[in-house]
Amino acid sequence: HFTGAGTKQMIEAYERGDVAEARRLHHTLLPLYTGIFRTQGTILVKAGLTLRGLPAGPVRSPLVDATEAQTEQLRADAAAAGIDLAERRS
């Protein structure tokens, strides 16, 4: 999951009654949400996980893996949401 911390902040803002902040956070993350669904979601989620260095593996037929152009667009969509999909190691 790429937006865990931001989603948590958004929910917490809403639960404390700060709807304006929750809305702002939602709009901040929206470029990535939109980007993941530029094509079938599984394709780009797996591409994003691979960018993070996680073993996502290929998609199953009839789907096809993300193209290089789709992966670069996903990276740009994530950056627009303030999220770096660069490889992370724990």
C-alpha atoms as a PDB file:
ATOM      1  CA  HIS A   1       0.000   0.000   0.000  1.00  0.00           C
ATOM      2  CA  PHE A   2       1.466   3.308  -1.062  1.00  0.00           C
ATOM      3  CA  THR A   3      -0.717   5.774   0.812  1.00  0.00           C
ATOM      4  CA  GLY A   4      -0.942   4.164   4.248  1.00  0.00           C
ATOM      5  CA  ALA A   5       0.358   7.097   6.292  1.00  0.00           C
ATOM      6  CA  GLY A   6      -1.598   9.680   4.302  1.00  0.00           C
ATOM      7  CA  THR A   7      -4.785   7.630   4.437  1.00  0.00           C
ATOM      8  CA  LYS A   8      -4.388   7.243   8.196  1.00  0.00           C
ATOM      9  CA  GLN A   9      -3.975  11.011   8.589  1.00  0.00           C
ATOM     10  CA  MET A  10      -7.019  11.622   6.396  1.00  0.00           C
ATOM     11  CA  ILE A  11      -9.217   9.271   8.438  1.00  0.00           C
ATOM     12  CA  GLU A  12      -7.974  10.711  11.724  1.00  0.00           C
ATOM     13  CA  ALA A  13      -8.719  14.251  10.526  1.00  0.00           C
ATOM     14  CA  TYR A  14     -12.232  13.232   9.542  1.00  0.00           C
ATOM     15  CA  GLU A  15     -12.852  11.401  12.821  1.00  0.00           C
ATOM     16  CA  ARG A  16     -11.840  14.464  14.837  1.00  0.00           C
ATOM     17  CA  GLY A  17     -14.246  16.555  12.784  1.00  0.00           C
ATOM     18  CA  ASP A  18     -11.678  18.348  10.627  1.00  0.00           C
ATOM     19  CA  VAL A  19     -13.419  17.693   7.333  1.00  0.00           C
ATOM     20  CA  ALA A  20     -11.493  20.455   5.557  1.00  0.00           C
ATOM     21  CA  GLU A  21      -8.168  18.807   6.441  1.00  0.00           C
ATOM     22  CA  ALA A  22      -9.478  15.371   5.469  1.00  0.00           C
ATOM     23  CA  ARG A  23     -10.574  16.804   2.118  1.00  0.00           C
ATOM     24  CA  ARG A  24      -7.186  18.490   1.615  1.00  0.00           C
ATOM     25  CA  LEU A  25      -5.365  15.222   2.330  1.00  0.00           C
ATOM     26  CA  HIS A  26      -7.678  13.344  -0.029  1.00  0.00           C
ATOM     27  CA  HIS A  27      -6.954  15.825  -2.819  1.00  0.00           C
ATOM     28  CA  THR A  28      -3.222  15.520  -2.101  1.00  0.00           C
ATOM     29  CA  LEU A  29      -3.359  11.734  -2.599  1.00  0.00           C
ATOM     30  CA  LEU A  30      -5.815  11.819  -5.506  1.00  0.00           C
ATOM     31  CA  PRO A  31      -3.174  11.878  -8.289  1.00  0.00           C
ATOM     32  CA  LEU A  32      -1.899   8.474  -7.160  1.00  0.00           C
ATOM     33  CA  TYR A  33      -5.388   7.011  -6.726  1.00  0.00           C
ATOM     34  CA  THR A  34      -6.261   8.200 -10.219  1.00  0.00           C
ATOM     35  CA  GLY A  35      -2.942   7.002 -11.608  1.00  0.00           C
ATOM     36  CA  ILE A  36      -3.327   3.453 -10.340  1.00  0.00           C
ATOM     37  CA  PHE A  37      -6.588   3.152 -12.254  1.00  0.00           C
ATOM     38  CA  ARG A  38      -5.312   4.583 -15.551  1.00  0.00           C
ATOM     39  CA  THR A  39      -5.380   0.930 -16.558  1.00  0.00           C
ATOM     40  CA  GLN A  40      -6.466  -2.154 -14.629  1.00  0.00           C
ATOM     41  CA  GLY A  41      -5.488  -1.544 -10.976  1.00  0.00           C
ATOM     42  CA  THR A  42      -3.620  -4.805 -10.367  1.00  0.00           C
ATOM     43  CA  ILE A  43      -1.220  -4.056 -13.204  1.00  0.00           C
ATOM     44  CA  LEU A  44      -0.072  -0.747 -11.738  1.00  0.00           C
ATOM     45  CA  VAL A  45      -0.156  -1.837  -8.101  1.00  0.00           C
ATOM     46  CA  LYS A  46       2.268  -4.636  -8.979  1.00  0.00           C
ATOM     47  CA  ALA A  47       4.399  -2.168 -10.954  1.00  0.00           C
ATOM     48  CA  GLY A  48       4.493   0.161  -7.942  1.00  0.00           C
ATOM     49  CA  LEU A  49       5.410  -2.663  -5.586  1.00  0.00           C
ATOM     50  CA  THR A  50       8.212  -3.664  -7.942  1.00  0.00           C
ATOM     51  CA  LEU A  51       9.475  -0.060  -7.936  1.00  0.00           C
ATOM     52  CA  ARG A  52       9.535  -0.306  -4.143  1.00  0.00           C
ATOM     53  CA  GLY A  53      11.706  -3.414  -4.381  1.00  0.00           C
ATOM     54  CA  LEU A  54       8.991  -5.809  -3.239  1.00  0.00           C
ATOM     55  CA  PRO A  55       8.523  -9.188  -4.948  1.00  0.00           C
ATOM     56  CA  ALA A  56       5.167  -8.513  -6.633  1.00  0.00           C
ATOM     57  CA  GLY A  57       5.744 -10.921  -9.509  1.00  0.00           C
ATOM     58  CA  PRO A  58       3.997 -10.795 -12.866  1.00  0.00           C
ATOM     59  CA  VAL A  59       0.258 -10.371 -13.302  1.00  0.00           C
ATOM     60  CA  ARG A  60      -1.789 -13.401 -14.321  1.00  0.00           C
ATOM     61  CA  SER A  61      -3.338 -13.858 -17.725  1.00  0.00           C
ATOM     62  CA  PRO A  62      -5.306 -12.301 -19.324  1.00  0.00           C
ATOM     63  CA  LEU A  63      -3.624  -9.214 -17.816  1.00  0.00           C
ATOM     64  CA  VAL A  64      -0.224  -8.061 -19.018  1.00  0.00           C
ATOM     65  CA  ASP A  65       2.503  -6.363 -17.006  1.00  0.00           C
ATOM     66  CA  ALA A  66       2.798  -2.586 -17.069  1.00  0.00           C
ATOM     67  CA  THR A  67       4.773  -1.096 -19.910  1.00  0.00           C
ATOM     68  CA  GLU A  68       7.757   1.121 -19.225  1.00  0.00           C
ATOM     69  CA  ALA A  69       5.646   4.152 -20.170  1.00  0.00           C
ATOM     70  CA  GLN A  70       2.873   3.107 -17.764  1.00  0.00           C
ATOM     71  CA  THR A  71       5.406   2.567 -14.985  1.00  0.00           C
ATOM     72  CA  GLU A  72       6.950   5.998 -15.560  1.00  0.00           C
ATOM     73  CA  GLN A  73       3.493   7.606 -15.566  1.00  0.00           C
ATOM     74  CA  LEU A  74       2.734   5.842 -12.267  1.00  0.00           C
ATOM     75  CA  ARG A  75       5.974   7.191 -10.822  1.00  0.00           C
ATOM     76  CA  ALA A  76       4.949  10.704 -11.938  1.00  0.00           C
ATOM     77  CA  ASP A  77       1.434  10.275 -10.511  1.00  0.00           C
ATOM     78  CA  ALA A  78       2.918   9.179  -7.186  1.00  0.00           C
ATOM     79  CA  ALA A  79       5.308  12.137  -7.163  1.00  0.00           C
ATOM     80  CA  ALA A  80       2.364  14.481  -7.790  1.00  0.00           C
ATOM     81  CA  ALA A  81       0.830  13.007  -4.626  1.00  0.00           C
ATOM     82  CA  GLY A  82       4.078  13.539  -2.712  1.00  0.00           C
ATOM     83  CA  ILE A  83       4.961   9.839  -2.706  1.00  0.00           C
ATOM     84  CA  ASP A  84       8.314   8.458  -3.833  1.00  0.00           C
ATOM     85  CA  LEU A  85       8.038   4.929  -5.191  1.00  0.00           C
ATOM     86  CA  ALA A  86      11.811   4.435  -5.107  1.00  0.00           C
ATOM     87  CA  GLU A  87      12.998   1.107  -3.781  1.00  0.00           C
ATOM     88  CA  ARG A  88      12.867   0.776  -0.011  1.00  0.00           C
ATOM     89  CA  ARG A  89      14.598  -1.838   2.055  1.00  0.00           C
ATOM     90  CA  SER A  90      13.685  -2.701   5.599  1.00  0.00           C
END
